[in-house]
PDB file of N, CA and C in Angstrom:
ATOM      1  N   MET A   1      -5.896  -7.888  -1.915  1.00  0.00           N
ATOM      2  CA  MET A   1      -6.400  -7.293  -0.695  1.00  0.00           C
ATOM      3  C   MET A   1      -7.873  -6.955  -0.899  1.00  0.00           C
ATOM      4  N   SER A   2      -8.646  -7.173   0.110  1.00  0.00           N
ATOM      5  CA  SER A   2     -10.074  -6.906   0.050  1.00  0.00           C
ATOM      6  C   SER A   2     -10.347  -5.413  -0.037  1.00  0.00           C
ATOM      7  N   ASP A   3     -11.402  -5.043  -0.763  1.00  0.00           N
ATOM      8  CA  ASP A   3     -11.798  -3.641  -0.869  1.00  0.00           C
ATOM      9  C   ASP A   3     -12.333  -3.115   0.459  1.00  0.00           C
ATOM     10  N   ARG A   4     -12.720  -4.021   1.362  1.00  0.00           N
ATOM     11  CA  ARG A   4     -13.263  -3.610   2.653  1.00  0.00           C
ATOM     12  C   ARG A   4     -12.181  -3.105   3.599  1.00  0.00           C
ATOM     13  N   ILE A   5     -10.942  -3.435   3.344  1.00  0.00           N
ATOM     14  CA  ILE A   5      -9.859  -3.007   4.212  1.00  0.00           C
ATOM     15  C   ILE A   5      -9.377  -1.630   3.766  1.00  0.00           C
ATOM     16  N   PRO A   6      -9.352  -0.660   4.681  1.00  0.00           N
ATOM     17  CA  PRO A   6      -8.901   0.675   4.300  1.00  0.00           C
ATOM     18  C   PRO A   6      -7.465   0.660   3.794  1.00  0.00           C
ATOM     19  N   LYS A   7      -7.190   1.535   2.855  1.00  0.00           N
ATOM     20  CA  LYS A   7      -5.839   1.666   2.332  1.00  0.00           C
ATOM     21  C   LYS A   7      -4.939   2.180   3.455  1.00  0.00           C
ATOM     22  N   PRO A   8      -3.846   1.478   3.759  1.00  0.00           N
ATOM     23  CA  PRO A   8      -2.992   1.919   4.855  1.00  0.00           C
ATOM     24  C   PRO A   8      -2.191   3.161   4.518  1.00  0.00           C
ATOM     25  N   THR A   9      -1.999   3.978   5.520  1.00  0.00           N
ATOM     26  CA  THR A   9      -1.110   5.123   5.433  1.00  0.00           C
ATOM     27  C   THR A   9       0.015   4.847   6.402  1.00  0.00           C
ATOM     28  N   ILE A  10       1.223   4.802   5.928  1.00  0.00           N
ATOM     29  CA  ILE A  10       2.341   4.387   6.752  1.00  0.00           C
ATOM     30  C   ILE A  10       3.207   5.589   7.114  1.00  0.00           C
ATOM     31  N   LEU A  11       3.462   5.746   8.420  1.00  0.00           N
ATOM     32  CA  LEU A  11       4.390   6.762   8.885  1.00  0.00           C
ATOM     33  C   LEU A  11       5.791   6.189   8.785  1.00  0.00           C
ATOM     34  N   THR A  12       6.720   6.978   8.336  1.00  0.00           N
ATOM     35  CA  THR A  12       8.091   6.500   8.286  1.00  0.00           C
ATOM     36  C   THR A  12       8.878   7.105   9.435  1.00  0.00           C
ATOM     37  N   ASN A  13       9.891   6.398   9.865  1.00  0.00           N
ATOM     38  CA  ASN A  13      10.771   6.945  10.884  1.00  0.00           C
ATOM     39  C   ASN A  13      12.203   6.750  10.424  1.00  0.00           C
ATOM     40  N   ARG A  14      13.095   7.429  11.083  1.00  0.00           N
ATOM     41  CA  ARG A  14      14.488   7.419  10.650  1.00  0.00           C
ATOM     42  C   ARG A  14      15.307   6.362  11.355  1.00  0.00           C
ATOM     43  N   ASN A  15      14.713   5.639  12.283  1.00  0.00           N
ATOM     44  CA  ASN A  15      15.441   4.607  13.010  1.00  0.00           C
ATOM     45  C   ASN A  15      15.610   3.370  12.140  1.00  0.00           C
ATOM     46  N   THR A  16      16.537   2.520  12.532  1.00  0.00           N
ATOM     47  CA  THR A  16      16.665   1.232  11.866  1.00  0.00           C
ATOM     48  C   THR A  16      15.352   0.489  12.073  1.00  0.00           C
ATOM     49  N   VAL A  17      14.817  -0.040  11.020  1.00  0.00           N
ATOM     50  CA  VAL A  17      13.489  -0.639  11.116  1.00  0.00           C
ATOM     51  C   VAL A  17      13.523  -2.138  10.902  1.00  0.00           C
ATOM     52  N   CYS A  18      12.519  -2.787  11.454  1.00  0.00           N
ATOM     53  CA  CYS A  18      12.358  -4.228  11.324  1.00  0.00           C
ATOM     54  C   CYS A  18      10.927  -4.488  10.870  1.00  0.00           C
ATOM     55  N   LYS A  19      10.534  -3.891   9.760  1.00  0.00           N
ATOM     56  CA  LYS A  19       9.179  -4.031   9.240  1.00  0.00           C
ATOM     57  C   LYS A  19       9.025  -5.400   8.574  1.00  0.00           C
ATOM     58  N   PRO A  20       7.802  -5.824   8.362  1.00  0.00           N
ATOM     59  CA  PRO A  20       7.607  -7.100   7.677  1.00  0.00           C
ATOM     60  C   PRO A  20       8.295  -7.088   6.314  1.00  0.00           C
ATOM     61  N   THR A  21       9.037  -8.130   6.062  1.00  0.00           N
ATOM     62  CA  THR A  21       9.757  -8.191   4.790  1.00  0.00           C
ATOM     63  C   THR A  21       9.450  -9.446   3.996  1.00  0.00           C
ATOM     64  N   THR A  22       8.920 -10.454   4.635  1.00  0.00           N
ATOM     65  CA  THR A  22       8.585 -11.669   3.907  1.00  0.00           C
ATOM     66  C   THR A  22       7.082 -11.699   3.644  1.00  0.00           C
ATOM     67  N   ALA A  23       6.694 -12.483   2.668  1.00  0.00           N
ATOM     68  CA  ALA A  23       5.273 -12.604   2.335  1.00  0.00           C
ATOM     69  C   ALA A  23       4.479 -13.119   3.536  1.00  0.00           C
ATOM     70  N   ALA A  24       5.041 -14.036   4.286  1.00  0.00           N
ATOM     71  CA  ALA A  24       4.352 -14.590   5.455  1.00  0.00           C
ATOM     72  C   ALA A  24       4.122 -13.515   6.520  1.00  0.00           C
ATOM     73  N   GLU A  25       5.113 -12.642   6.730  1.00  0.00           N
ATOM     74  CA  GLU A  25       4.969 -11.574   7.716  1.00  0.00           C
ATOM     75  C   GLU A  25       3.923 -10.561   7.278  1.00  0.00           C
ATOM     76  N   VAL A  26       3.911 -10.211   6.014  1.00  0.00           N
ATOM     77  CA  VAL A  26       2.920  -9.276   5.481  1.00  0.00           C
ATOM     78  C   VAL A  26       1.522  -9.878   5.589  1.00  0.00           C
ATOM     79  N   ARG A  27       1.397 -11.175   5.301  1.00  0.00           N
ATOM     80  CA  ARG A  27       0.091 -11.835   5.412  1.00  0.00           C
ATOM     81  C   ARG A  27      -0.453 -11.779   6.836  1.00  0.00           C
ATOM     82  N   LYS A  28       0.419 -11.852   7.828  1.00  0.00           N
ATOM     83  CA  LYS A  28      -0.029 -11.772   9.224  1.00  0.00           C
ATOM     84  C   LYS A  28      -0.674 -10.406   9.497  1.00  0.00           C
ATOM     85  N   ASP A  29      -0.050  -9.341   9.000  1.00  0.00           N
ATOM     86  CA  ASP A  29      -0.631  -8.005   9.173  1.00  0.00           C
ATOM     87  C   ASP A  29      -1.947  -7.879   8.415  1.00  0.00           C
ATOM     88  N   ILE A  30      -2.007  -8.404   7.212  1.00  0.00           N
ATOM     89  CA  ILE A  30      -3.233  -8.351   6.412  1.00  0.00           C
ATOM     90  C   ILE A  30      -4.345  -9.132   7.099  1.00  0.00           C
ATOM     91  N   GLU A  31      -4.032 -10.299   7.635  1.00  0.00           N
ATOM     92  CA  GLU A  31      -5.038 -11.100   8.335  1.00  0.00           C
ATOM     93  C   GLU A  31      -5.573 -10.347   9.551  1.00  0.00           C
ATOM     94  N   TRP A  32      -4.667  -9.717  10.287  1.00  0.00           N
ATOM     95  CA  TRP A  32      -5.107  -8.945  11.447  1.00  0.00           C
ATOM     96  C   TRP A  32      -6.059  -7.843  11.000  1.00  0.00           C
ATOM     97  N   LEU A  33      -5.701  -7.142   9.930  1.00  0.00           N
ATOM     98  CA  LEU A  33      -6.548  -6.069   9.417  1.00  0.00           C
ATOM     99  C   LEU A  33      -7.915  -6.588   8.998  1.00  0.00           C
ATOM    100  N   LYS A  34      -7.953  -7.718   8.327  1.00  0.00           N
ATOM    101  CA  LYS A  34      -9.235  -8.299   7.902  1.00  0.00           C
ATOM    102  C   LYS A  34     -10.127  -8.586   9.104  1.00  0.00           C
ATOM    103  N   GLN A  35      -9.525  -9.088  10.179  1.00  0.00           N
ATOM    104  CA  GLN A  35     -10.301  -9.507  11.345  1.00  0.00           C
ATOM    105  C   GLN A  35     -10.673  -8.361  12.282  1.00  0.00           C
ATOM    106  N   HIS A  36      -9.848  -7.310  12.347  1.00  0.00           N
ATOM    107  CA  HIS A  36     -10.026  -6.312  13.404  1.00  0.00           C
ATOM    108  C   HIS A  36     -10.176  -4.869  12.947  1.00  0.00           C
ATOM    109  N   HIS A  37     -10.083  -4.581  11.664  1.00  0.00           N
ATOM    110  CA  HIS A  37     -10.050  -3.174  11.239  1.00  0.00           C
ATOM    111  C   HIS A  37     -11.288  -2.390  11.676  1.00  0.00           C
ATOM    112  N   GLN A  38     -12.450  -3.029  11.731  1.00  0.00           N
ATOM    113  CA  GLN A  38     -13.662  -2.302  12.111  1.00  0.00           C
ATOM    114  C   GLN A  38     -13.648  -1.889  13.579  1.00  0.00           C
ATOM    115  N   GLU A  39     -12.969  -2.651  14.419  1.00  0.00           N
ATOM    116  CA  GLU A  39     -12.884  -2.329  15.840  1.00  0.00           C
ATOM    117  C   GLU A  39     -12.085  -1.046  16.082  1.00  0.00           C
ATOM    118  N   TYR A  40     -11.203  -0.700  15.158  1.00  0.00           N
ATOM    119  CA  TYR A  40     -10.294   0.428  15.328  1.00  0.00           C
ATOM    120  C   TYR A  40     -10.531   1.516  14.279  1.00  0.00           C
ATOM    121  N   GLN A  41     -11.716   1.513  13.668  1.00  0.00           N
ATOM    122  CA  GLN A  41     -12.056   2.496  12.650  1.00  0.00           C
ATOM    123  C   GLN A  41     -11.883   3.903  13.203  1.00  0.00           C
ATOM    124  N   GLY A  42     -11.249   4.770  12.427  1.00  0.00           N
ATOM    125  CA  GLY A  42     -11.037   6.145  12.836  1.00  0.00           C
ATOM    126  C   GLY A  42      -9.791   6.351  13.678  1.00  0.00           C
ATOM    127  N   GLN A  43      -9.018   5.287  13.877  1.00  0.00           N
ATOM    128  CA  GLN A  43      -7.825   5.379  14.701  1.00  0.00           C
ATOM    129  C   GLN A  43      -6.565   5.059  13.892  1.00  0.00           C
ATOM    130  N   TRP A  44      -5.448   5.391  14.477  1.00  0.00           N
ATOM    131  CA  TRP A  44      -4.150   4.934  13.994  1.00  0.00           C
ATOM    132  C   TRP A  44      -3.814   3.673  14.772  1.00  0.00           C
ATOM    133  N   ILE A  45      -3.228   2.699  14.102  1.00  0.00           N
ATOM    134  CA  ILE A  45      -2.786   1.484  14.776  1.00  0.00           C
ATOM    135  C   ILE A  45      -1.319   1.243  14.461  1.00  0.00           C
ATOM    136  N   ALA A  46      -0.683   0.478  15.329  1.00  0.00           N
ATOM    137  CA  ALA A  46       0.688   0.039  15.101  1.00  0.00           C
ATOM    138  C   ALA A  46       0.683  -1.481  15.170  1.00  0.00           C
ATOM    139  N   LEU A  47       1.143  -2.113  14.110  1.00  0.00           N
ATOM    140  CA  LEU A  47       1.190  -3.572  14.024  1.00  0.00           C
ATOM    141  C   LEU A  47       2.620  -4.055  13.895  1.00  0.00           C
ATOM    142  N   HIS A  48       2.821  -5.285  14.323  1.00  0.00           N
ATOM    143  CA  HIS A  48       4.088  -5.967  14.074  1.00  0.00           C
ATOM    144  C   HIS A  48       3.780  -7.442  13.859  1.00  0.00           C
ATOM    145  N   ARG A  49       3.910  -7.879  12.629  1.00  0.00           N
ATOM    146  CA  ARG A  49       3.708  -9.293  12.259  1.00  0.00           C
ATOM    147  C   ARG A  49       2.390  -9.854  12.793  1.00  0.00           C
ATOM    148  N   GLY A  50       1.322  -9.080  12.605  1.00  0.00           N
ATOM    149  CA  GLY A  50      -0.005  -9.540  12.994  1.00  0.00           C
ATOM    150  C   GLY A  50      -0.351  -9.344  14.454  1.00  0.00           C
ATOM    151  N   VAL A  51       0.472  -8.602  15.174  1.00  0.00           N
ATOM    152  CA  VAL A  51       0.217  -8.318  16.584  1.00  0.00           C
ATOM    153  C   VAL A  51       0.013  -6.808  16.735  1.00  0.00           C
ATOM    154  N   LEU A  52      -1.084  -6.429  17.388  1.00  0.00           N
ATOM    155  CA  LEU A  52      -1.365  -5.021  17.635  1.00  0.00           C
ATOM    156  C   LEU A  52      -0.454  -4.517  18.744  1.00  0.00           C
ATOM    157  N   LEU A  53       0.337  -3.508  18.436  1.00  0.00           N
ATOM    158  CA  LEU A  53       1.223  -2.899  19.423  1.00  0.00           C
ATOM    159  C   LEU A  53       0.538  -1.749  20.144  1.00  0.00           C
ATOM    160  N   GLY A  54      -0.418  -1.097  19.464  1.00  0.00           N
ATOM    161  CA  GLY A  54      -1.126   0.016  20.070  1.00  0.00           C
ATOM    162  C   GLY A  54      -2.095   0.651  19.101  1.00  0.00           C
ATOM    163  N   ALA A  55      -2.989   1.469  19.645  1.00  0.00           N
ATOM    164  CA  ALA A  55      -3.975   2.187  18.834  1.00  0.00           C
ATOM    165  C   ALA A  55      -4.300   3.500  19.526  1.00  0.00           C
ATOM    166  N   ASN A  56      -4.573   4.531  18.720  1.00  0.00           N
ATOM    167  CA  ASN A  56      -4.916   5.835  19.271  1.00  0.00           C
ATOM    168  C   ASN A  56      -5.539   6.674  18.157  1.00  0.00           C
ATOM    169  N   HIS A  57      -6.428   7.579  18.529  1.00  0.00           N
ATOM    170  CA  HIS A  57      -7.008   8.490  17.546  1.00  0.00           C
ATOM    171  C   HIS A  57      -5.990   9.529  17.080  1.00  0.00           C
ATOM    172  N   ASP A  58      -4.971   9.753  17.874  1.00  0.00           N
ATOM    173  CA  ASP A  58      -3.943  10.739  17.573  1.00  0.00           C
ATOM    174  C   ASP A  58      -2.651  10.019  17.169  1.00  0.00           C
ATOM    175  N   ALA A  59      -2.202  10.247  15.941  1.00  0.00           N
ATOM    176  CA  ALA A  59      -1.010   9.563  15.425  1.00  0.00           C
ATOM    177  C   ALA A  59       0.222   9.871  16.270  1.00  0.00           C
ATOM    178  N   LEU A  60       0.374  11.120  16.690  1.00  0.00           N
ATOM    179  CA  LEU A  60       1.548  11.498  17.474  1.00  0.00           C
ATOM    180  C   LEU A  60       1.551  10.814  18.836  1.00  0.00           C
ATOM    181  N   GLU A  61       0.392  10.728  19.465  1.00  0.00           N
ATOM    182  CA  GLU A  61       0.304  10.047  20.763  1.00  0.00           C
ATOM    183  C   GLU A  61       0.648   8.564  20.629  1.00  0.00           C
ATOM    184  N   LEU A  62       0.162   7.945  19.564  1.00  0.00           N
ATOM    185  CA  LEU A  62       0.493   6.538  19.327  1.00  0.00           C
ATOM    186  C   LEU A  62       1.987   6.376  19.099  1.00  0.00           C
ATOM    187  N   TYR A  63       2.542   7.250  18.289  1.00  0.00           N
ATOM    188  CA  TYR A  63       3.979   7.212  18.010  1.00  0.00           C
ATOM    189  C   TYR A  63       4.776   7.314  19.316  1.00  0.00           C
ATOM    190  N   LYS A  64       4.392   8.253  20.187  1.00  0.00           N
ATOM    191  CA  LYS A  64       5.090   8.440  21.456  1.00  0.00           C
ATOM    192  C   LYS A  64       4.974   7.195  22.343  1.00  0.00           C
ATOM    193  N   ALA A  65       3.792   6.600  22.390  1.00  0.00           N
ATOM    194  CA  ALA A  65       3.581   5.408  23.216  1.00  0.00           C
ATOM    195  C   ALA A  65       4.423   4.233  22.711  1.00  0.00           C
ATOM    196  N   ILE A  66       4.458   4.065  21.406  1.00  0.00           N
ATOM    197  CA  ILE A  66       5.240   2.969  20.825  1.00  0.00           C
ATOM    198  C   ILE A  66       6.730   3.223  21.039  1.00  0.00           C
ATOM    199  N   GLU A  67       7.133   4.471  20.904  1.00  0.00           N
ATOM    200  CA  GLU A  67       8.534   4.828  21.144  1.00  0.00           C
ATOM    201  C   GLU A  67       8.907   4.571  22.605  1.00  0.00           C
ATOM    202  N   SER A  68       8.039   4.957  23.532  1.00  0.00           N
ATOM    203  CA  SER A  68       8.288   4.750  24.962  1.00  0.00           C
ATOM    204  C   SER A  68       8.392   3.270  25.312  1.00  0.00           C
ATOM    205  N   ALA A  69       7.653   2.452  24.600  1.00  0.00           N
ATOM    206  CA  ALA A  69       7.677   1.007  24.835  1.00  0.00           C
ATOM    207  C   ALA A  69       8.887   0.338  24.186  1.00  0.00           C
ATOM    208  N   GLY A  70       9.686   1.116  23.465  1.00  0.00           N
ATOM    209  CA  GLY A  70      10.868   0.560  22.819  1.00  0.00           C
ATOM    210  C   GLY A  70      10.561  -0.283  21.601  1.00  0.00           C
ATOM    211  N   GLN A  71       9.404  -0.056  20.993  1.00  0.00           N
ATOM    212  CA  GLN A  71       8.976  -0.868  19.857  1.00  0.00           C
ATOM    213  C   GLN A  71       8.911  -0.091  18.548  1.00  0.00           C
ATOM    214  N   LEU A  72       9.479   1.087  18.532  1.00  0.00           N
ATOM    215  CA  LEU A  72       9.382   1.938  17.351  1.00  0.00           C
ATOM    216  C   LEU A  72       9.987   1.266  16.117  1.00  0.00           C
ATOM    217  N   ASN A  73      11.075   0.550  16.302  1.00  0.00           N
ATOM    218  CA  ASN A  73      11.703  -0.097  15.156  1.00  0.00           C
ATOM    219  C   ASN A  73      10.909  -1.291  14.640  1.00  0.00           C
ATOM    220  N   LEU A  74       9.903  -1.736  15.373  1.00  0.00           N
ATOM    221  CA  LEU A  74       9.067  -2.865  14.955  1.00  0.00           C
ATOM    222  C   LEU A  74       7.764  -2.428  14.303  1.00  0.00           C
ATOM    223  N   ALA A  75       7.293  -1.239  14.657  1.00  0.00           N
ATOM    224  CA  ALA A  75       5.924  -0.824  14.358  1.00  0.00           C
ATOM    225  C   ALA A  75       5.693  -0.439  12.902  1.00  0.00           C
ATOM    226  N   LEU A  76       4.613  -0.954  12.380  1.00  0.00           N
ATOM    227  CA  LEU A  76       4.061  -0.544  11.103  1.00  0.00           C
ATOM    228  C   LEU A  76       2.842   0.305  11.424  1.00  0.00           C
ATOM    229  N   PHE A  77       2.878   1.602  11.147  1.00  0.00           N
ATOM    230  CA  PHE A  77       1.799   2.527  11.490  1.00  0.00           C
ATOM    231  C   PHE A  77       0.814   2.598  10.334  1.00  0.00           C
ATOM    232  N   ILE A  78      -0.476   2.464  10.673  1.00  0.00           N
ATOM    233  CA  ILE A  78      -1.530   2.454   9.662  1.00  0.00           C
ATOM    234  C   ILE A  78      -2.703   3.295  10.153  1.00  0.00           C
ATOM    235  N   SER A  79      -3.244   4.133   9.283  1.00  0.00           N
ATOM    236  CA  SER A  79      -4.433   4.901   9.599  1.00  0.00           C
ATOM    237  C   SER A  79      -5.662   4.135   9.140  1.00  0.00           C
ATOM    238  N   LEU A  80      -6.606   3.949  10.041  1.00  0.00           N
ATOM    239  CA  LEU A  80      -7.868   3.300   9.681  1.00  0.00           C
ATOM    240  C   LEU A  80      -8.986   4.337   9.628  1.00  0.00           C
ATOM    241  N   ALA A  81      -8.638   5.530   9.187  1.00  0.00           N
ATOM    242  CA  ALA A  81      -9.607   6.625   9.074  1.00  0.00           C
ATOM    243  C   ALA A  81     -10.513   6.430   7.890  1.00  0.00           C
TER     244      ALA A  81
END
């Protein structure tokens, strides 16, 4: 992983999760981070297999939005602070 990409901070949830589990799925998230992390600096983001599900400066607000969209079990939460 490039030193330019911020170290991710992952929120955990108690629901059944469908996080990236294969190397190919993880690479999609890493590629997205390489290409877009500067656009979302200082925010929390939610990714799923290289697709941005949402972004917000407030982790709780992002969590609520992702939960409302029914995507909580898909989301990988990362802080780009």
